[in-house]
Amino acid sequence: MRPDPFTTEVIAEGLRASAEAMFLTLKRASQSPIIYEVLDCACGLTAPDGSLVAEAEGIPGFIGCLGFGVRSILREFGLEQIAPGDIFVTNDPYEGGGTHLSDVTLIAPIF
């Protein structure tokens, strides 16, 4: 059964609002002016396969790396070993951890 366009849009906006809430929390909690003034960061939600579902404002290049980071975590640990409360931190530019060494990607699964 395919959901109607209204339901689809309500769900999509809810997911975008979640990504935006993550972005605002990061911005408010940051001690770095690079984050809270320049907005040199990004937040997004992915599906379990790493495909982007929703994104907040920020640097588009960082959002482009997010799916690669999720997929590398899944390859390394496997979905079966990931549990509620796990948070993964990566900065490997070859596996989707950012675009250069000082970039850090935080991945927190939602169950």
PDB file of N, CA and C in Angstrom:
ATOM      1  N   MET A   1       0.845  -1.184   0.000  1.00  0.00           N
ATOM      2  CA  MET A   1       0.000   0.000   0.000  1.00  0.00           C
ATOM      3  C   MET A   1       0.886   1.242   0.000  1.00  0.00           C
ATOM      4  N   ARG A   2       0.623   2.137  -0.892  1.00  0.00           N
ATOM      5  CA  ARG A   2       1.388   3.371  -1.011  1.00  0.00           C
ATOM      6  C   ARG A   2       0.677   4.474  -0.218  1.00  0.00           C
ATOM      7  N   PRO A   3       1.424   5.200   0.642  1.00  0.00           N
ATOM      8  CA  PRO A   3       0.777   6.276   1.407  1.00  0.00           C
ATOM      9  C   PRO A   3       0.380   7.431   0.489  1.00  0.00           C
ATOM     10  N   ASP A   4      -0.615   8.152   0.902  1.00  0.00           N
ATOM     11  CA  ASP A   4      -1.058   9.294   0.109  1.00  0.00           C
ATOM     12  C   ASP A   4      -0.031  10.425   0.205  1.00  0.00           C
ATOM     13  N   PRO A   5      -0.036  11.377  -0.738  1.00  0.00           N
ATOM     14  CA  PRO A   5       0.950  12.461  -0.748  1.00  0.00           C
ATOM     15  C   PRO A   5       0.955  13.297   0.535  1.00  0.00           C
ATOM     16  N   PHE A   6      -0.199  13.491   1.137  1.00  0.00           N
ATOM     17  CA  PHE A   6      -0.273  14.273   2.370  1.00  0.00           C
ATOM     18  C   PHE A   6       0.515  13.582   3.485  1.00  0.00           C
ATOM     19  N   THR A   7       0.283  12.283   3.674  1.00  0.00           N
ATOM     20  CA  THR A   7       0.989  11.522   4.709  1.00  0.00           C
ATOM     21  C   THR A   7       2.485  11.501   4.434  1.00  0.00           C
ATOM     22  N   THR A   8       2.847  11.314   3.173  1.00  0.00           N
ATOM     23  CA  THR A   8       4.261  11.304   2.797  1.00  0.00           C
ATOM     24  C   THR A   8       4.925  12.622   3.163  1.00  0.00           C
ATOM     25  N   GLU A   9       4.270  13.733   2.881  1.00  0.00           N
ATOM     26  CA  GLU A   9       4.843  15.048   3.175  1.00  0.00           C
ATOM     27  C   GLU A   9       4.930  15.300   4.675  1.00  0.00           C
ATOM     28  N   VAL A  10       3.942  14.875   5.435  1.00  0.00           N
ATOM     29  CA  VAL A  10       3.981  15.034   6.895  1.00  0.00           C
ATOM     30  C   VAL A  10       5.174  14.272   7.471  1.00  0.00           C
ATOM     31  N   ILE A  11       5.387  13.057   7.018  1.00  0.00           N
ATOM     32  CA  ILE A  11       6.521  12.258   7.501  1.00  0.00           C
ATOM     33  C   ILE A  11       7.839  12.892   7.076  1.00  0.00           C
ATOM     34  N   ALA A  12       7.935  13.328   5.820  1.00  0.00           N
ATOM     35  CA  ALA A  12       9.164  13.958   5.327  1.00  0.00           C
ATOM     36  C   ALA A  12       9.501  15.212   6.125  1.00  0.00           C
ATOM     37  N   GLU A  13       8.501  16.035   6.409  1.00  0.00           N
ATOM     38  CA  GLU A  13       8.739  17.259   7.187  1.00  0.00           C
ATOM     39  C   GLU A  13       9.137  16.941   8.625  1.00  0.00           C
ATOM     40  N   GLY A  14       8.579  15.889   9.189  1.00  0.00           N
ATOM     41  CA  GLY A  14       8.987  15.466  10.529  1.00  0.00           C
ATOM     42  C   GLY A  14      10.441  15.037  10.563  1.00  0.00           C
ATOM     43  N   LEU A  15      10.879  14.319   9.550  1.00  0.00           N
ATOM     44  CA  LEU A  15      12.283  13.904   9.470  1.00  0.00           C
ATOM     45  C   LEU A  15      13.200  15.104   9.267  1.00  0.00           C
ATOM     46  N   ARG A  16      12.787  16.044   8.408  1.00  0.00           N
ATOM     47  CA  ARG A  16      13.587  17.263   8.211  1.00  0.00           C
ATOM     48  C   ARG A  16      13.667  18.075   9.504  1.00  0.00           C
ATOM     49  N   ALA A  17      12.572  18.129  10.250  1.00  0.00           N
ATOM     50  CA  ALA A  17      12.573  18.847  11.531  1.00  0.00           C
ATOM     51  C   ALA A  17      13.532  18.186  12.514  1.00  0.00           C
ATOM     52  N   SER A  18      13.620  16.875  12.496  1.00  0.00           N
ATOM     53  CA  SER A  18      14.567  16.169  13.371  1.00  0.00           C
ATOM     54  C   SER A  18      16.002  16.519  13.003  1.00  0.00           C
ATOM     55  N   ALA A  19      16.305  16.542  11.714  1.00  0.00           N
ATOM     56  CA  ALA A  19      17.651  16.911  11.269  1.00  0.00           C
ATOM     57  C   ALA A  19      17.961  18.356  11.651  1.00  0.00           C
ATOM     58  N   GLU A  20      16.990  19.237  11.490  1.00  0.00           N
ATOM     59  CA  GLU A  20      17.183  20.644  11.854  1.00  0.00           C
ATOM     60  C   GLU A  20      17.391  20.798  13.360  1.00  0.00           C
ATOM     61  N   ALA A  21      16.687  20.011  14.166  1.00  0.00           N
ATOM     62  CA  ALA A  21      16.874  20.057  15.624  1.00  0.00           C
ATOM     63  C   ALA A  21      18.285  19.617  16.000  1.00  0.00           C
ATOM     64  N   MET A  22      18.812  18.603  15.317  1.00  0.00           N
ATOM     65  CA  MET A  22      20.200  18.186  15.567  1.00  0.00           C
ATOM     66  C   MET A  22      21.160  19.318  15.234  1.00  0.00           C
ATOM     67  N   PHE A  23      20.913  19.979  14.099  1.00  0.00           N
ATOM     68  CA  PHE A  23      21.776  21.070  13.663  1.00  0.00           C
ATOM     69  C   PHE A  23      21.761  22.219  14.671  1.00  0.00           C
ATOM     70  N   LEU A  24      20.578  22.611  15.120  1.00  0.00           N
ATOM     71  CA  LEU A  24      20.472  23.710  16.088  1.00  0.00           C
ATOM     72  C   LEU A  24      21.115  23.345  17.421  1.00  0.00           C
ATOM     73  N   THR A  25      20.977  22.101  17.846  1.00  0.00           N
ATOM     74  CA  THR A  25      21.620  21.657  19.084  1.00  0.00           C
ATOM     75  C   THR A  25      23.132  21.716  18.951  1.00  0.00           C
ATOM     76  N   LEU A  26      23.656  21.245  17.832  1.00  0.00           N
ATOM     77  CA  LEU A  26      25.100  21.301  17.594  1.00  0.00           C
ATOM     78  C   LEU A  26      25.589  22.742  17.586  1.00  0.00           C
ATOM     79  N   LYS A  27      24.870  23.605  16.910  1.00  0.00           N
ATOM     80  CA  LYS A  27      25.237  25.022  16.819  1.00  0.00           C
ATOM     81  C   LYS A  27      25.235  25.685  18.201  1.00  0.00           C
ATOM     82  N   ARG A  28      24.207  25.428  18.996  1.00  0.00           N
ATOM     83  CA  ARG A  28      24.102  26.054  20.324  1.00  0.00           C
ATOM     84  C   ARG A  28      25.114  25.493  21.315  1.00  0.00           C
ATOM     85  N   ALA A  29      25.432  24.216  21.203  1.00  0.00           N
ATOM     86  CA  ALA A  29      26.332  23.576  22.163  1.00  0.00           C
ATOM     87  C   ALA A  29      27.804  23.757  21.812  1.00  0.00           C
ATOM     88  N   SER A  30      28.087  24.173  20.595  1.00  0.00           N
ATOM     89  CA  SER A  30      29.469  24.258  20.137  1.00  0.00           C
ATOM     90  C   SER A  30      30.228  25.382  20.834  1.00  0.00           C
ATOM     91  N   GLN A  31      31.480  25.118  21.111  1.00  0.00           N
ATOM     92  CA  GLN A  31      32.380  26.130  21.659  1.00  0.00           C
ATOM     93  C   GLN A  31      33.224  26.764  20.554  1.00  0.00           C
ATOM     94  N   SER A  32      33.047  26.303  19.330  1.00  0.00           N
ATOM     95  CA  SER A  32      33.858  26.774  18.210  1.00  0.00           C
ATOM     96  C   SER A  32      33.078  27.755  17.339  1.00  0.00           C
ATOM     97  N   PRO A  33      33.634  28.947  17.100  1.00  0.00           N
ATOM     98  CA  PRO A  33      32.957  29.884  16.205  1.00  0.00           C
ATOM     99  C   PRO A  33      32.875  29.361  14.769  1.00  0.00           C
ATOM    100  N   ILE A  34      33.731  28.418  14.414  1.00  0.00           N
ATOM    101  CA  ILE A  34      33.642  27.810  13.083  1.00  0.00           C
ATOM    102  C   ILE A  34      32.294  27.101  12.937  1.00  0.00           C
ATOM    103  N   ILE A  35      31.806  26.533  14.028  1.00  0.00           N
ATOM    104  CA  ILE A  35      30.511  25.849  13.992  1.00  0.00           C
ATOM    105  C   ILE A  35      29.371  26.848  14.164  1.00  0.00           C
ATOM    106  N   TYR A  36      29.390  27.655  15.240  1.00  0.00           N
ATOM    107  CA  TYR A  36      28.214  28.480  15.539  1.00  0.00           C
ATOM    108  C   TYR A  36      28.120  29.766  14.728  1.00  0.00           C
ATOM    109  N   GLU A  37      29.193  30.223  14.095  1.00  0.00           N
ATOM    110  CA  GLU A  37      29.106  31.418  13.257  1.00  0.00           C
ATOM    111  C   GLU A  37      29.202  31.094  11.766  1.00  0.00           C
ATOM    112  N   VAL A  38      30.179  30.272  11.405  1.00  0.00           N
ATOM    113  CA  VAL A  38      30.403  29.954   9.995  1.00  0.00           C
ATOM    114  C   VAL A  38      29.495  28.819   9.526  1.00  0.00           C
ATOM    115  N   LEU A  39      28.977  28.034  10.481  1.00  0.00           N
ATOM    116  CA  LEU A  39      28.115  26.877  10.193  1.00  0.00           C
ATOM    117  C   LEU A  39      28.856  25.827   9.368  1.00  0.00           C
ATOM    118  N   ASP A  40      30.120  25.599   9.717  1.00  0.00           N
ATOM    119  CA  ASP A  40      30.962  24.620   9.033  1.00  0.00           C
ATOM    120  C   ASP A  40      30.678  23.229   9.593  1.00  0.00           C
ATOM    121  N   CYS A  41      29.457  22.773   9.367  1.00  0.00           N
ATOM    122  CA  CYS A  41      29.013  21.475   9.865  1.00  0.00           C
ATOM    123  C   CYS A  41      27.760  21.083   9.090  1.00  0.00           C
ATOM    124  N   ALA A  42      27.285  19.893   9.339  1.00  0.00           N
ATOM    125  CA  ALA A  42      26.045  19.433   8.710  1.00  0.00           C
ATOM    126  C   ALA A  42      25.450  18.323   9.557  1.00  0.00           C
ATOM    127  N   CYS A  43      24.145  18.156   9.468  1.00  0.00           N
ATOM    128  CA  CYS A  43      23.438  17.082  10.174  1.00  0.00           C
ATOM    129  C   CYS A  43      22.427  16.469   9.219  1.00  0.00           C
ATOM    130  N   GLY A  44      22.252  15.176   9.360  1.00  0.00           N
ATOM    131  CA  GLY A  44      21.283  14.502   8.511  1.00  0.00           C
ATOM    132  C   GLY A  44      20.861  13.175   9.092  1.00  0.00           C
ATOM    133  N   LEU A  45      19.804  12.635   8.537  1.00  0.00           N
ATOM    134  CA  LEU A  45      19.304  11.311   8.897  1.00  0.00           C
ATOM    135  C   LEU A  45      19.446  10.416   7.679  1.00  0.00           C
ATOM    136  N   THR A  46      19.885   9.187   7.913  1.00  0.00           N
ATOM    137  CA  THR A  46      19.984   8.231   6.815  1.00  0.00           C
ATOM    138  C   THR A  46      19.113   7.013   7.108  1.00  0.00           C
ATOM    139  N   ALA A  47      18.806   6.299   6.068  1.00  0.00           N
ATOM    140  CA  ALA A  47      18.157   4.996   6.210  1.00  0.00           C
ATOM    141  C   ALA A  47      19.229   4.003   6.663  1.00  0.00           C
ATOM    142  N   PRO A  48      18.844   2.813   7.095  1.00  0.00           N
ATOM    143  CA  PRO A  48      19.840   1.831   7.542  1.00  0.00           C
ATOM    144  C   PRO A  48      20.904   1.494   6.493  1.00  0.00           C
ATOM    145  N   ASP A  49      20.601   1.679   5.218  1.00  0.00           N
ATOM    146  CA  ASP A  49      21.593   1.389   4.177  1.00  0.00           C
ATOM    147  C   ASP A  49      22.516   2.572   3.896  1.00  0.00           C
ATOM    148  N   GLY A  50      22.342   3.686   4.608  1.00  0.00           N
ATOM    149  CA  GLY A  50      23.191   4.853   4.435  1.00  0.00           C
ATOM    150  C   GLY A  50      22.642   5.895   3.482  1.00  0.00           C
ATOM    151  N   SER A  51      21.533   5.637   2.828  1.00  0.00           N
ATOM    152  CA  SER A  51      20.970   6.636   1.913  1.00  0.00           C
ATOM    153  C   SER A  51      20.355   7.787   2.709  1.00  0.00           C
ATOM    154  N   LEU A  52      20.570   8.997   2.223  1.00  0.00           N
ATOM    155  CA  LEU A  52      20.108  10.198   2.916  1.00  0.00           C
ATOM    156  C   LEU A  52      18.587  10.277   2.905  1.00  0.00           C
ATOM    157  N   VAL A  53      18.012  10.523   4.081  1.00  0.00           N
ATOM    158  CA  VAL A  53      16.563  10.642   4.227  1.00  0.00           C
ATOM    159  C   VAL A  53      16.174  12.099   4.458  1.00  0.00           C
ATOM    160  N   ALA A  54      16.941  12.807   5.290  1.00  0.00           N
ATOM    161  CA  ALA A  54      16.647  14.208   5.599  1.00  0.00           C
ATOM    162  C   ALA A  54      17.941  14.909   5.971  1.00  0.00           C
ATOM    163  N   GLU A  55      18.014  16.188   5.669  1.00  0.00           N
ATOM    164  CA  GLU A  55      19.200  16.961   6.002  1.00  0.00           C
ATOM    165  C   GLU A  55      18.808  18.326   6.531  1.00  0.00           C
ATOM    166  N   ALA A  56      19.717  18.903   7.314  1.00  0.00           N
ATOM    167  CA  ALA A  56      19.546  20.266   7.808  1.00  0.00           C
ATOM    168  C   ALA A  56      20.485  21.169   7.013  1.00  0.00           C
ATOM    169  N   GLU A  57      20.403  22.475   7.271  1.00  0.00           N
ATOM    170  CA  GLU A  57      21.322  23.377   6.592  1.00  0.00           C
ATOM    171  C   GLU A  57      22.742  23.081   7.058  1.00  0.00           C
ATOM    172  N   GLY A  58      23.695  23.563   6.345  1.00  0.00           N
ATOM    173  CA  GLY A  58      25.095  23.317   6.661  1.00  0.00           C
ATOM    174  C   GLY A  58      25.882  23.164   5.374  1.00  0.00           C
ATOM    175  N   ILE A  59      27.026  22.534   5.467  1.00  0.00           N
ATOM    176  CA  ILE A  59      27.898  22.346   4.313  1.00  0.00           C
ATOM    177  C   ILE A  59      27.437  21.126   3.514  1.00  0.00           C
ATOM    178  N   PRO A  60      26.992  21.302   2.279  1.00  0.00           N
ATOM    179  CA  PRO A  60      26.493  20.166   1.497  1.00  0.00           C
ATOM    180  C   PRO A  60      27.519  19.054   1.303  1.00  0.00           C
ATOM    181  N   GLY A  61      28.790  19.392   1.192  1.00  0.00           N
ATOM    182  CA  GLY A  61      29.823  18.367   1.021  1.00  0.00           C
ATOM    183  C   GLY A  61      29.884  17.408   2.190  1.00  0.00           C
ATOM    184  N   PHE A  62      29.601  17.907   3.382  1.00  0.00           N
ATOM    185  CA  PHE A  62      29.599  17.030   4.558  1.00  0.00           C
ATOM    186  C   PHE A  62      28.427  16.058   4.499  1.00  0.00           C
ATOM    187  N   ILE A  63      27.278  16.538   4.051  1.00  0.00           N
ATOM    188  CA  ILE A  63      26.114  15.661   3.912  1.00  0.00           C
ATOM    189  C   ILE A  63      26.409  14.580   2.881  1.00  0.00           C
ATOM    190  N   GLY A  64      27.125  14.945   1.823  1.00  0.00           N
ATOM    191  CA  GLY A  64      27.483  13.966   0.805  1.00  0.00           C
ATOM    192  C   GLY A  64      28.346  12.843   1.345  1.00  0.00           C
ATOM    193  N   CYS A  65      29.127  13.107   2.380  1.00  0.00           N
ATOM    194  CA  CYS A  65      29.995  12.091   2.994  1.00  0.00           C
ATOM    195  C   CYS A  65      29.251  11.199   3.978  1.00  0.00           C
ATOM    196  N   LEU A  66      28.113  11.645   4.465  1.00  0.00           N
ATOM    197  CA  LEU A  66      27.426  10.954   5.553  1.00  0.00           C
ATOM    198  C   LEU A  66      27.068   9.510   5.220  1.00  0.00           C
ATOM    199  N   GLY A  67      26.497   9.278   4.064  1.00  0.00           N
ATOM    200  CA  GLY A  67      26.115   7.920   3.680  1.00  0.00           C
ATOM    201  C   GLY A  67      27.302   6.976   3.608  1.00  0.00           C
ATOM    202  N   PHE A  68      28.437   7.493   3.114  1.00  0.00           N
ATOM    203  CA  PHE A  68      29.647   6.670   3.051  1.00  0.00           C
ATOM    204  C   PHE A  68      30.111   6.284   4.449  1.00  0.00           C
ATOM    205  N   GLY A  69      30.014   7.228   5.385  1.00  0.00           N
ATOM    206  CA  GLY A  69      30.393   6.934   6.765  1.00  0.00           C
ATOM    207  C   GLY A  69      29.511   5.869   7.390  1.00  0.00           C
ATOM    208  N   VAL A  70      28.205   5.972   7.167  1.00  0.00           N
ATOM    209  CA  VAL A  70      27.268   4.972   7.701  1.00  0.00           C
ATOM    210  C   VAL A  70      27.578   3.602   7.114  1.00  0.00           C
ATOM    211  N   ARG A  71      27.791   3.548   5.803  1.00  0.00           N
ATOM    212  CA  ARG A  71      28.084   2.257   5.168  1.00  0.00           C
ATOM    213  C   ARG A  71      29.402   1.666   5.653  1.00  0.00           C
ATOM    214  N   SER A  72      30.401   2.509   5.927  1.00  0.00           N
ATOM    215  CA  SER A  72      31.675   1.976   6.435  1.00  0.00           C
ATOM    216  C   SER A  72      31.512   1.413   7.846  1.00  0.00           C
ATOM    217  N   ILE A  73      30.693   2.048   8.668  1.00  0.00           N
ATOM    218  CA  ILE A  73      30.418   1.523  10.015  1.00  0.00           C
ATOM    219  C   ILE A  73      29.697   0.182   9.912  1.00  0.00           C
ATOM    220  N   LEU A  74      28.742   0.090   9.007  1.00  0.00           N
ATOM    221  CA  LEU A  74      28.019  -1.176   8.824  1.00  0.00           C
ATOM    222  C   LEU A  74      28.952  -2.287   8.338  1.00  0.00           C
ATOM    223  N   ARG A  75      29.880  -1.952   7.440  1.00  0.00           N
ATOM    224  CA  ARG A  75      30.850  -2.958   6.974  1.00  0.00           C
ATOM    225  C   ARG A  75      31.760  -3.415   8.106  1.00  0.00           C
ATOM    226  N   GLU A  76      32.178  -2.461   8.922  1.00  0.00           N
ATOM    227  CA  GLU A  76      33.131  -2.759   9.998  1.00  0.00           C
ATOM    228  C   GLU A  76      32.492  -3.546  11.139  1.00  0.00           C
ATOM    229  N   PHE A  77      31.294  -3.159  11.548  1.00  0.00           N
ATOM    230  CA  PHE A  77      30.683  -3.739  12.741  1.00  0.00           C
ATOM    231  C   PHE A  77      29.500  -4.660  12.446  1.00  0.00           C
ATOM    232  N   GLY A  78      28.806  -4.428  11.351  1.00  0.00           N
ATOM    233  CA  GLY A  78      27.616  -5.216  11.044  1.00  0.00           C
ATOM    234  C   GLY A  78      26.420  -4.733  11.847  1.00  0.00           C
ATOM    235  N   LEU A  79      25.270  -4.755  11.235  1.00  0.00           N
ATOM    236  CA  LEU A  79      24.046  -4.268  11.870  1.00  0.00           C
ATOM    237  C   LEU A  79      23.712  -5.034  13.144  1.00  0.00           C
ATOM    238  N   GLU A  80      24.060  -6.315  13.183  1.00  0.00           N
ATOM    239  CA  GLU A  80      23.732  -7.162  14.336  1.00  0.00           C
ATOM    240  C   GLU A  80      24.476  -6.738  15.603  1.00  0.00           C
ATOM    241  N   GLN A  81      25.666  -6.142  15.453  1.00  0.00           N
ATOM    242  CA  GLN A  81      26.471  -5.762  16.620  1.00  0.00           C
ATOM    243  C   GLN A  81      26.193  -4.349  17.109  1.00  0.00           C
ATOM    244  N   ILE A  82      25.389  -3.599  16.395  1.00  0.00           N
ATOM    245  CA  ILE A  82      25.097  -2.218  16.778  1.00  0.00           C
ATOM    246  C   ILE A  82      23.884  -2.215  17.697  1.00  0.00           C
ATOM    247  N   ALA A  83      24.019  -1.503  18.825  1.00  0.00           N
ATOM    248  CA  ALA A  83      22.968  -1.515  19.846  1.00  0.00           C
ATOM    249  C   ALA A  83      22.541  -0.086  20.189  1.00  0.00           C
ATOM    250  N   PRO A  84      21.365   0.065  20.798  1.00  0.00           N
ATOM    251  CA  PRO A  84      20.939   1.394  21.252  1.00  0.00           C
ATOM    252  C   PRO A  84      21.995   2.010  22.175  1.00  0.00           C
ATOM    253  N   GLY A  85      22.266   3.290  21.975  1.00  0.00           N
ATOM    254  CA  GLY A  85      23.258   3.986  22.778  1.00  0.00           C
ATOM    255  C   GLY A  85      24.634   4.039  22.141  1.00  0.00           C
ATOM    256  N   ASP A  86      24.882   3.239  21.107  1.00  0.00           N
ATOM    257  CA  ASP A  86      26.173   3.278  20.418  1.00  0.00           C
ATOM    258  C   ASP A  86      26.320   4.594  19.664  1.00  0.00           C
ATOM    259  N   ILE A  87      27.529   5.134  19.692  1.00  0.00           N
ATOM    260  CA  ILE A  87      27.869   6.308  18.890  1.00  0.00           C
ATOM    261  C   ILE A  87      29.218   6.019  18.255  1.00  0.00           C
ATOM    262  N   PHE A  88      29.310   6.221  16.962  1.00  0.00           N
ATOM    263  CA  PHE A  88      30.537   5.965  16.226  1.00  0.00           C
ATOM    264  C   PHE A  88      31.142   7.296  15.804  1.00  0.00           C
ATOM    265  N   VAL A  89      32.456   7.423  15.971  1.00  0.00           N
ATOM    266  CA  VAL A  89      33.183   8.629  15.599  1.00  0.00           C
ATOM    267  C   VAL A  89      34.235   8.222  14.576  1.00  0.00           C
ATOM    268  N   THR A  90      34.255   8.908  13.455  1.00  0.00           N
ATOM    269  CA  THR A  90      35.235   8.601  12.419  1.00  0.00           C
ATOM    270  C   THR A  90      35.740   9.887  11.784  1.00  0.00           C
ATOM    271  N   ASN A  91      36.969   9.846  11.315  1.00  0.00           N
ATOM    272  CA  ASN A  91      37.495  10.971  10.540  1.00  0.00           C
ATOM    273  C   ASN A  91      38.311  10.472   9.350  1.00  0.00           C
ATOM    274  N   ASP A  92      38.041   9.258   8.906  1.00  0.00           N
ATOM    275  CA  ASP A  92      38.740   8.677   7.766  1.00  0.00           C
ATOM    276  C   ASP A  92      38.140   9.221   6.466  1.00  0.00           C
ATOM    277  N   PRO A  93      38.871  10.083   5.741  1.00  0.00           N
ATOM    278  CA  PRO A  93      38.296  10.672   4.532  1.00  0.00           C
ATOM    279  C   PRO A  93      38.062   9.655   3.416  1.00  0.00           C
ATOM    280  N   TYR A  94      38.708   8.502   3.505  1.00  0.00           N
ATOM    281  CA  TYR A  94      38.522   7.478   2.472  1.00  0.00           C
ATOM    282  C   TYR A  94      37.296   6.617   2.730  1.00  0.00           C
ATOM    283  N   GLU A  95      36.769   6.654   3.934  1.00  0.00           N
ATOM    284  CA  GLU A  95      35.608   5.837   4.293  1.00  0.00           C
ATOM    285  C   GLU A  95      34.383   6.680   4.634  1.00  0.00           C
ATOM    286  N   GLY A  96      34.415   7.970   4.341  1.00  0.00           N
ATOM    287  CA  GLY A  96      33.243   8.806   4.578  1.00  0.00           C
ATOM    288  C   GLY A  96      33.240   9.518   5.909  1.00  0.00           C
ATOM    289  N   GLY A  97      34.416   9.690   6.504  1.00  0.00           N
ATOM    290  CA  GLY A  97      34.488  10.363   7.786  1.00  0.00           C
ATOM    291  C   GLY A  97      34.687  11.855   7.686  1.00  0.00           C
ATOM    292  N   GLY A  98      34.652  12.397   6.510  1.00  0.00           N
ATOM    293  CA  GLY A  98      34.860  13.820   6.316  1.00  0.00           C
ATOM    294  C   GLY A  98      35.662  14.046   5.051  1.00  0.00           C
ATOM    295  N   THR A  99      36.030  15.285   4.827  1.00  0.00           N
ATOM    296  CA  THR A  99      36.763  15.609   3.607  1.00  0.00           C
ATOM    297  C   THR A  99      38.245  15.843   3.844  1.00  0.00           C
ATOM    298  N   HIS A 100      38.640  16.057   5.097  1.00  0.00           N
ATOM    299  CA  HIS A 100      40.058  16.163   5.445  1.00  0.00           C
ATOM    300  C   HIS A 100      40.227  15.813   6.915  1.00  0.00           C
ATOM    301  N   LEU A 101      41.466  15.785   7.389  1.00  0.00           N
ATOM    302  CA  LEU A 101      41.785  15.209   8.692  1.00  0.00           C
ATOM    303  C   LEU A 101      41.042  15.851   9.862  1.00  0.00           C
ATOM    304  N   SER A 102      40.806  17.150   9.819  1.00  0.00           N
ATOM    305  CA  SER A 102      40.164  17.790  10.976  1.00  0.00           C
ATOM    306  C   SER A 102      38.639  17.622  10.994  1.00  0.00           C
ATOM    307  N   ASP A 103      38.064  17.034   9.961  1.00  0.00           N
ATOM    308  CA  ASP A 103      36.620  16.749   9.967  1.00  0.00           C
ATOM    309  C   ASP A 103      36.344  15.500  10.792  1.00  0.00           C
ATOM    310  N   VAL A 104      35.265  15.526  11.540  1.00  0.00           N
ATOM    311  CA  VAL A 104      34.861  14.380  12.353  1.00  0.00           C
ATOM    312  C   VAL A 104      33.389  14.106  12.064  1.00  0.00           C
ATOM    313  N   THR A 105      33.062  12.839  11.880  1.00  0.00           N
ATOM    314  CA  THR A 105      31.679  12.430  11.666  1.00  0.00           C
ATOM    315  C   THR A 105      31.216  11.617  12.862  1.00  0.00           C
ATOM    316  N   LEU A 106      30.090  12.005  13.447  1.00  0.00           N
ATOM    317  CA  LEU A 106      29.469  11.254  14.540  1.00  0.00           C
ATOM    318  C   LEU A 106      28.249  10.545  13.974  1.00  0.00           C
ATOM    319  N   ILE A 107      28.166   9.255  14.223  1.00  0.00           N
ATOM    320  CA  ILE A 107      27.048   8.456  13.726  1.00  0.00           C
ATOM    321  C   ILE A 107      26.388   7.787  14.920  1.00  0.00           C
ATOM    322  N   ALA A 108      25.116   8.105  15.143  1.00  0.00           N
ATOM    323  CA  ALA A 108      24.362   7.531  16.260  1.00  0.00           C
ATOM    324  C   ALA A 108      23.128   6.833  15.704  1.00  0.00           C
ATOM    325  N   PRO A 109      23.076   5.510  15.796  1.00  0.00           N
ATOM    326  CA  PRO A 109      21.906   4.791  15.288  1.00  0.00           C
ATOM    327  C   PRO A 109      20.647   5.115  16.092  1.00  0.00           C
ATOM    328  N   ILE A 110      19.536   5.114  15.412  1.00  0.00           N
ATOM    329  CA  ILE A 110      18.237   5.324  16.049  1.00  0.00           C
ATOM    330  C   ILE A 110      17.457   4.024  15.923  1.00  0.00           C
ATOM    331  N   PHE A 111      16.974   3.516  17.045  1.00  0.00           N
ATOM    332  CA  PHE A 111      16.221   2.259  17.036  1.00  0.00           C
ATOM    333  C   PHE A 111      14.764   2.515  17.335  1.00  0.00           C
TER     334      PHE A 111
END
